[in-house]
C-alpha cells in the first residue's frame, strides 16, 4: 500500500493491528523537535504510536499518552464525523485517526503540534478530521 505524502511509521509487520502512516509534515516536525528540547517527548510519542500499530487500542490503558480528542466533521457530504486522537507527551502532540484505505484499517497522522495552552486547538482538530475524511473510503 502507498499513500501519497505519507510514509509508514517503522517497519510494518503482517501481525500489526493497524497500519501506521505519518505525513511528511509530521516527519519534519518530529525531526525538528528531536533536535530541540523535546527529544524525550518525541521518543515517547513515536513509541506510543508504534504500540498502537502493533496492538491496536486494547493495550492503550494509559490515557496520559493517547487520548480521544472528539468527533469532527469529515468535510464530505453524507460522511459521518471522524474521530480524532492524539498521541502525546508533555505538550507535544501528534494528531490522527483511523481510516479505511483499500479495505484496510490505517491510522493516519496528518499533523503535529506543540501546545501553547491547556486546551487543544479546535481549528486544528477540525482540519485533521477533514484530512482524514479525504482519505477514508465510503
N, C-alpha and C. Protein backbone atom coordinates (compact mmCIF):
# COMPACT_ATOMS: atom_id res chain seq x y z
N UNK A 1 0.84 -1.17 0.00
CA UNK A 1 0.00 0.00 0.00
C UNK A 1 0.89 1.24 0.00
N UNK A 2 0.48 2.24 -0.76
CA UNK A 2 1.18 3.51 -0.80
C UNK A 2 0.17 4.63 -0.65
N UNK A 3 0.45 5.60 0.20
CA UNK A 3 -0.41 6.76 0.40
C UNK A 3 0.44 7.98 0.08
N UNK A 4 0.04 8.72 -0.92
CA UNK A 4 0.83 9.86 -1.37
C UNK A 4 0.98 10.90 -0.25
N UNK A 5 2.23 11.30 -0.02
CA UNK A 5 2.53 12.30 1.01
C UNK A 5 2.72 11.71 2.40
N UNK A 6 2.60 10.38 2.53
CA UNK A 6 2.71 9.71 3.83
C UNK A 6 3.74 8.59 3.74
N UNK A 7 4.36 8.31 4.87
CA UNK A 7 5.30 7.19 4.96
C UNK A 7 4.91 6.31 6.14
N UNK A 8 5.22 5.01 6.06
CA UNK A 8 4.91 4.14 7.20
C UNK A 8 5.76 4.53 8.40
N UNK A 9 5.17 4.39 9.57
CA UNK A 9 5.90 4.63 10.81
C UNK A 9 6.54 3.31 11.21
N UNK A 10 7.85 3.25 11.14
CA UNK A 10 8.54 2.00 11.46
C UNK A 10 8.37 0.99 10.33
N UNK A 11 8.82 -0.20 10.60
CA UNK A 11 8.72 -1.27 9.61
C UNK A 11 7.43 -2.05 9.84
N UNK A 12 6.50 -2.02 8.88
CA UNK A 12 5.23 -2.74 9.06
C UNK A 12 5.46 -4.25 9.15
N UNK A 13 4.63 -4.90 9.96
CA UNK A 13 4.68 -6.35 10.10
C UNK A 13 3.30 -6.91 9.86
N UNK A 14 3.21 -8.11 9.34
CA UNK A 14 1.91 -8.70 8.99
C UNK A 14 1.01 -8.93 10.21
N UNK A 15 1.57 -8.97 11.42
CA UNK A 15 0.74 -9.19 12.61
C UNK A 15 0.26 -7.88 13.24
N UNK A 16 0.64 -6.74 12.66
CA UNK A 16 0.22 -5.46 13.22
C UNK A 16 -1.30 -5.31 13.14
N UNK A 17 -1.88 -4.73 14.17
CA UNK A 17 -3.32 -4.46 14.21
C UNK A 17 -3.70 -3.35 13.22
N UNK A 18 -2.88 -2.30 13.17
CA UNK A 18 -3.15 -1.15 12.31
C UNK A 18 -1.90 -0.81 11.51
N UNK A 19 -2.12 -0.32 10.31
CA UNK A 19 -1.02 0.24 9.54
C UNK A 19 -0.87 1.69 10.00
N UNK A 20 0.34 2.08 10.36
CA UNK A 20 0.61 3.44 10.86
C UNK A 20 1.30 4.24 9.77
N UNK A 21 0.68 5.36 9.38
CA UNK A 21 1.25 6.22 8.35
C UNK A 21 1.30 7.66 8.88
N UNK A 22 2.42 8.32 8.68
CA UNK A 22 2.59 9.71 9.10
C UNK A 22 2.90 10.57 7.87
N UNK A 23 2.37 11.79 7.89
CA UNK A 23 2.62 12.70 6.78
C UNK A 23 4.07 13.19 6.81
N UNK A 24 4.53 13.68 5.67
CA UNK A 24 5.88 14.24 5.63
C UNK A 24 5.98 15.44 6.55
N UNK A 25 4.87 16.15 6.73
CA UNK A 25 4.83 17.28 7.66
C UNK A 25 5.12 16.81 9.08
N UNK A 26 4.55 15.67 9.47
CA UNK A 26 4.78 15.13 10.81
C UNK A 26 6.23 14.65 10.95
N UNK A 27 6.75 14.01 9.91
CA UNK A 27 8.15 13.55 9.94
C UNK A 27 9.08 14.75 10.16
N UNK A 28 8.87 15.82 9.39
CA UNK A 28 9.70 17.02 9.52
C UNK A 28 9.55 17.65 10.91
N UNK A 29 8.31 17.69 11.40
CA UNK A 29 8.02 18.25 12.72
C UNK A 29 8.76 17.46 13.81
N UNK A 30 8.67 16.13 13.75
CA UNK A 30 9.32 15.30 14.76
C UNK A 30 10.84 15.44 14.70
N UNK A 31 11.39 15.50 13.50
CA UNK A 31 12.84 15.68 13.37
C UNK A 31 13.29 17.02 13.98
N UNK A 32 12.52 18.07 13.73
CA UNK A 32 12.87 19.39 14.29
C UNK A 32 12.75 19.38 15.81
N UNK A 33 11.70 18.77 16.33
CA UNK A 33 11.51 18.72 17.78
C UNK A 33 12.56 17.83 18.45
N UNK A 34 13.00 16.80 17.76
CA UNK A 34 14.03 15.91 18.32
C UNK A 34 15.36 16.65 18.47
N UNK A 35 15.62 17.58 17.59
CA UNK A 35 16.86 18.37 17.69
C UNK A 35 16.81 19.39 18.81
N UNK A 36 15.61 19.71 19.29
CA UNK A 36 15.45 20.71 20.35
C UNK A 36 15.29 20.06 21.71
N UNK A 37 14.54 20.73 22.55
CA UNK A 37 14.37 20.29 23.94
C UNK A 37 13.36 19.17 24.11
N UNK A 38 12.67 18.79 23.04
CA UNK A 38 11.60 17.79 23.15
C UNK A 38 12.02 16.38 22.74
N UNK A 39 13.30 16.10 22.71
CA UNK A 39 13.78 14.79 22.25
C UNK A 39 13.09 13.62 22.98
N UNK A 40 13.05 13.67 24.31
CA UNK A 40 12.46 12.57 25.07
C UNK A 40 10.96 12.46 24.79
N UNK A 41 10.30 13.59 24.54
CA UNK A 41 8.86 13.56 24.26
C UNK A 41 8.59 13.00 22.86
N UNK A 42 9.46 13.30 21.91
CA UNK A 42 9.34 12.72 20.57
C UNK A 42 9.46 11.20 20.67
N UNK A 43 10.43 10.72 21.42
CA UNK A 43 10.62 9.28 21.57
C UNK A 43 9.39 8.62 22.18
N UNK A 44 8.78 9.26 23.19
CA UNK A 44 7.58 8.70 23.82
C UNK A 44 6.41 8.63 22.86
N UNK A 45 6.22 9.70 22.09
CA UNK A 45 5.10 9.74 21.15
C UNK A 45 5.29 8.69 20.06
N UNK A 46 6.48 8.56 19.53
CA UNK A 46 6.75 7.55 18.50
C UNK A 46 6.54 6.15 19.07
N UNK A 47 6.97 5.92 20.30
CA UNK A 47 6.77 4.62 20.95
C UNK A 47 5.27 4.34 21.13
N UNK A 48 4.50 5.34 21.54
CA UNK A 48 3.06 5.18 21.72
C UNK A 48 2.40 4.81 20.39
N UNK A 49 2.76 5.50 19.32
CA UNK A 49 2.19 5.20 18.01
C UNK A 49 2.60 3.81 17.53
N UNK A 50 3.84 3.43 17.81
CA UNK A 50 4.30 2.08 17.46
C UNK A 50 3.51 1.00 18.19
N UNK A 51 3.25 1.23 19.49
CA UNK A 51 2.44 0.28 20.26
C UNK A 51 1.02 0.20 19.72
N UNK A 52 0.46 1.33 19.33
CA UNK A 52 -0.88 1.35 18.75
C UNK A 52 -0.91 0.53 17.47
N UNK A 53 0.09 0.68 16.64
CA UNK A 53 0.15 -0.09 15.39
C UNK A 53 0.24 -1.58 15.64
N UNK A 54 1.08 -1.99 16.58
CA UNK A 54 1.26 -3.41 16.87
C UNK A 54 0.04 -4.03 17.54
N UNK A 55 -0.52 -3.33 18.53
CA UNK A 55 -1.53 -3.94 19.39
C UNK A 55 -2.93 -3.37 19.26
N UNK A 56 -3.11 -2.31 18.49
CA UNK A 56 -4.42 -1.67 18.41
C UNK A 56 -4.72 -0.94 19.71
N UNK A 57 -5.99 -0.68 19.93
CA UNK A 57 -6.41 0.12 21.08
C UNK A 57 -6.41 -0.66 22.40
N UNK A 58 -6.37 -1.96 22.35
CA UNK A 58 -6.57 -2.75 23.58
C UNK A 58 -5.51 -2.54 24.65
N UNK A 59 -4.29 -2.19 24.27
CA UNK A 59 -3.22 -2.02 25.26
C UNK A 59 -2.94 -0.56 25.61
N UNK A 60 -3.82 0.33 25.20
CA UNK A 60 -3.60 1.74 25.48
C UNK A 60 -4.39 2.18 26.70
N UNK A 61 -4.08 1.58 27.82
CA UNK A 61 -4.79 1.91 29.06
C UNK A 61 -4.28 3.20 29.69
N UNK A 62 -3.10 3.65 29.30
CA UNK A 62 -2.54 4.87 29.86
C UNK A 62 -3.05 6.07 29.08
N UNK A 63 -4.12 6.67 29.56
CA UNK A 63 -4.74 7.77 28.82
C UNK A 63 -3.92 9.05 28.86
N UNK A 64 -2.81 9.05 29.57
CA UNK A 64 -1.97 10.25 29.55
C UNK A 64 -1.09 10.29 28.30
N UNK A 65 -0.92 9.17 27.61
CA UNK A 65 -0.09 9.13 26.41
C UNK A 65 -0.89 9.09 25.11
N UNK A 66 -2.17 8.71 25.19
CA UNK A 66 -3.00 8.60 24.00
C UNK A 66 -4.43 8.95 24.38
N UNK A 67 -4.98 10.00 23.76
CA UNK A 67 -6.30 10.47 24.15
C UNK A 67 -7.21 10.66 22.95
N UNK A 68 -8.49 10.47 23.21
CA UNK A 68 -9.54 10.74 22.25
C UNK A 68 -9.87 12.22 22.35
N UNK A 69 -9.75 12.94 21.24
CA UNK A 69 -9.99 14.40 21.26
C UNK A 69 -11.43 14.74 20.90
N UNK A 70 -12.14 13.83 20.23
CA UNK A 70 -13.52 14.09 19.87
C UNK A 70 -13.81 13.72 18.43
N UNK A 71 -15.07 13.96 18.03
CA UNK A 71 -15.50 13.70 16.66
C UNK A 71 -15.75 15.04 15.99
N UNK A 72 -15.29 15.14 14.73
CA UNK A 72 -15.38 16.39 13.99
C UNK A 72 -15.83 16.10 12.57
N UNK A 73 -16.46 17.08 11.90
CA UNK A 73 -16.96 16.87 10.55
C UNK A 73 -15.86 16.43 9.58
N UNK A 74 -16.20 15.44 8.75
CA UNK A 74 -15.24 14.88 7.80
C UNK A 74 -15.06 15.78 6.58
N UNK A 75 -15.97 16.72 6.38
CA UNK A 75 -15.83 17.64 5.26
C UNK A 75 -16.34 17.11 3.94
N UNK A 76 -16.97 15.94 3.95
CA UNK A 76 -17.55 15.38 2.73
C UNK A 76 -19.03 15.14 2.96
N UNK A 77 -19.87 15.51 2.00
CA UNK A 77 -21.31 15.32 2.17
C UNK A 77 -21.66 13.85 2.39
N UNK A 78 -22.55 13.60 3.32
CA UNK A 78 -23.02 12.24 3.59
C UNK A 78 -22.07 11.38 4.40
N UNK A 79 -20.96 11.92 4.83
CA UNK A 79 -20.00 11.14 5.59
C UNK A 79 -20.12 11.48 7.07
N UNK A 80 -20.03 10.46 7.89
CA UNK A 80 -20.10 10.66 9.34
C UNK A 80 -18.88 11.44 9.82
N UNK A 81 -18.96 11.90 11.04
CA UNK A 81 -17.83 12.60 11.63
C UNK A 81 -16.66 11.64 11.86
N UNK A 82 -15.47 12.18 11.88
CA UNK A 82 -14.26 11.38 12.08
C UNK A 82 -13.76 11.56 13.51
N UNK A 83 -13.35 10.46 14.13
CA UNK A 83 -12.76 10.51 15.47
C UNK A 83 -11.30 10.93 15.34
N UNK A 84 -10.90 11.88 16.17
CA UNK A 84 -9.53 12.37 16.16
C UNK A 84 -8.89 12.01 17.50
N UNK A 85 -7.67 11.49 17.43
CA UNK A 85 -6.92 11.07 18.61
C UNK A 85 -5.60 11.83 18.66
N UNK A 86 -4.98 11.87 19.83
CA UNK A 86 -3.67 12.49 19.98
C UNK A 86 -2.76 11.56 20.75
N UNK A 87 -1.59 11.29 20.15
CA UNK A 87 -0.51 10.66 20.90
C UNK A 87 0.27 11.83 21.48
N UNK A 88 0.55 11.78 22.79
CA UNK A 88 1.12 12.96 23.41
C UNK A 88 2.14 12.62 24.47
N UNK A 89 2.99 13.60 24.69
CA UNK A 89 3.94 13.58 25.79
C UNK A 89 4.24 15.03 26.11
N UNK A 90 3.98 15.41 27.34
CA UNK A 90 4.11 16.80 27.76
C UNK A 90 3.21 17.64 26.86
N UNK A 91 3.73 18.65 26.17
CA UNK A 91 2.91 19.49 25.29
C UNK A 91 3.00 19.08 23.82
N UNK A 92 3.78 18.06 23.50
CA UNK A 92 3.95 17.58 22.14
C UNK A 92 2.79 16.67 21.75
N UNK A 93 2.18 16.91 20.60
CA UNK A 93 1.04 16.13 20.14
C UNK A 93 1.21 15.71 18.69
N UNK A 94 0.80 14.48 18.38
CA UNK A 94 0.64 14.03 17.01
C UNK A 94 -0.82 13.63 16.88
N UNK A 95 -1.53 14.26 15.95
CA UNK A 95 -2.96 14.02 15.77
C UNK A 95 -3.21 13.08 14.61
N UNK A 96 -4.20 12.21 14.78
CA UNK A 96 -4.55 11.28 13.72
C UNK A 96 -5.85 10.57 14.01
N UNK A 97 -6.16 9.60 13.16
CA UNK A 97 -7.37 8.82 13.33
C UNK A 97 -7.38 7.63 12.39
N UNK A 98 -8.36 6.78 12.58
CA UNK A 98 -8.46 5.56 11.78
C UNK A 98 -9.30 5.82 10.54
N UNK A 99 -8.76 5.42 9.40
CA UNK A 99 -9.46 5.49 8.13
C UNK A 99 -9.36 4.14 7.44
N UNK A 100 -10.26 3.90 6.48
CA UNK A 100 -10.19 2.70 5.64
C UNK A 100 -9.63 3.10 4.30
N UNK A 101 -8.54 2.46 3.91
CA UNK A 101 -7.91 2.70 2.62
C UNK A 101 -7.67 1.34 1.96
N UNK A 102 -8.23 1.17 0.78
CA UNK A 102 -8.11 -0.10 0.05
C UNK A 102 -8.52 -1.28 0.92
N UNK A 103 -9.57 -1.08 1.72
CA UNK A 103 -10.12 -2.15 2.55
C UNK A 103 -9.33 -2.44 3.82
N UNK A 104 -8.32 -1.65 4.12
CA UNK A 104 -7.50 -1.90 5.30
C UNK A 104 -7.64 -0.74 6.29
N UNK A 105 -7.57 -1.08 7.58
CA UNK A 105 -7.60 -0.05 8.63
C UNK A 105 -6.22 0.59 8.74
N UNK A 106 -6.20 1.90 8.64
CA UNK A 106 -4.95 2.66 8.69
C UNK A 106 -5.10 3.75 9.73
N UNK A 107 -4.09 3.91 10.58
CA UNK A 107 -4.06 5.05 11.48
C UNK A 107 -3.21 6.10 10.80
N UNK A 108 -3.86 7.17 10.35
CA UNK A 108 -3.22 8.21 9.57
C UNK A 108 -2.93 9.41 10.47
N UNK A 109 -1.70 9.88 10.45
CA UNK A 109 -1.28 11.01 11.30
C UNK A 109 -0.89 12.19 10.40
N UNK A 110 -1.83 13.12 10.16
CA UNK A 110 -1.52 14.22 9.25
C UNK A 110 -0.82 15.42 9.88
N UNK A 111 -0.97 15.64 11.21
CA UNK A 111 -0.42 16.86 11.81
C UNK A 111 0.13 16.63 13.21
N UNK A 112 1.03 17.51 13.58
CA UNK A 112 1.58 17.53 14.93
C UNK A 112 1.63 18.95 15.43
N UNK A 113 1.81 19.11 16.73
CA UNK A 113 1.87 20.46 17.31
C UNK A 113 2.52 20.39 18.68
N UNK A 114 3.03 21.52 19.10
CA UNK A 114 3.43 21.72 20.48
C UNK A 114 2.41 22.71 21.03
N UNK A 115 1.61 22.24 21.97
CA UNK A 115 0.55 23.08 22.52
C UNK A 115 1.14 24.22 23.34
N UNK A 116 0.51 25.37 23.21
CA UNK A 116 0.95 26.53 23.97
C UNK A 116 0.01 26.82 25.14
N UNK A 117 -1.15 26.16 25.13
CA UNK A 117 -2.12 26.31 26.21
C UNK A 117 -2.73 24.96 26.51
N UNK A 118 -3.47 24.85 27.60
CA UNK A 118 -4.01 23.56 28.02
C UNK A 118 -5.05 22.99 27.07
N UNK A 119 -5.86 23.83 26.45
CA UNK A 119 -6.92 23.36 25.58
C UNK A 119 -6.38 23.10 24.17
N UNK A 120 -6.83 22.01 23.55
CA UNK A 120 -6.41 21.68 22.18
C UNK A 120 -6.96 22.72 21.21
N UNK A 121 -6.22 22.97 20.15
CA UNK A 121 -6.63 23.91 19.11
C UNK A 121 -7.76 23.28 18.30
N UNK A 122 -8.99 23.78 18.50
CA UNK A 122 -10.17 23.20 17.85
C UNK A 122 -10.10 23.32 16.33
N UNK A 123 -9.53 24.39 15.82
CA UNK A 123 -9.40 24.55 14.37
C UNK A 123 -8.48 23.47 13.81
N UNK A 124 -7.42 23.14 14.53
CA UNK A 124 -6.51 22.09 14.07
C UNK A 124 -7.19 20.73 14.10
N UNK A 125 -7.97 20.45 15.15
CA UNK A 125 -8.67 19.17 15.24
C UNK A 125 -9.68 19.02 14.10
N UNK A 126 -10.37 20.09 13.76
CA UNK A 126 -11.32 20.06 12.64
C UNK A 126 -10.59 19.85 11.32
N UNK A 127 -9.44 20.48 11.18
CA UNK A 127 -8.63 20.32 9.96
C UNK A 127 -8.15 18.88 9.82
N UNK A 128 -7.72 18.27 10.92
CA UNK A 128 -7.27 16.87 10.90
C UNK A 128 -8.43 15.97 10.49
N UNK A 129 -9.63 16.21 11.03
CA UNK A 129 -10.80 15.40 10.67
C UNK A 129 -11.12 15.52 9.18
N UNK A 130 -11.01 16.73 8.62
CA UNK A 130 -11.26 16.91 7.18
C UNK A 130 -10.23 16.14 6.36
N UNK A 131 -8.98 16.17 6.79
CA UNK A 131 -7.94 15.41 6.07
C UNK A 131 -8.24 13.92 6.14
N UNK A 132 -8.60 13.43 7.32
CA UNK A 132 -8.95 12.02 7.47
C UNK A 132 -10.12 11.67 6.55
N UNK A 133 -11.12 12.56 6.49
CA UNK A 133 -12.28 12.34 5.65
C UNK A 133 -11.93 12.24 4.17
N UNK A 134 -10.91 12.97 3.73
CA UNK A 134 -10.48 12.90 2.33
C UNK A 134 -9.94 11.53 1.97
N UNK A 135 -9.31 10.86 2.91
CA UNK A 135 -8.69 9.56 2.64
C UNK A 135 -9.61 8.37 2.92
N UNK A 136 -10.62 8.57 3.75
CA UNK A 136 -11.48 7.48 4.18
C UNK A 136 -12.38 7.00 3.04
N UNK A 137 -12.39 5.67 2.84
CA UNK A 137 -13.28 5.07 1.83
C UNK A 137 -14.70 5.07 2.35
N UNK A 138 -15.62 5.13 1.44
CA UNK A 138 -17.04 5.01 1.84
C UNK A 138 -17.45 3.58 1.73
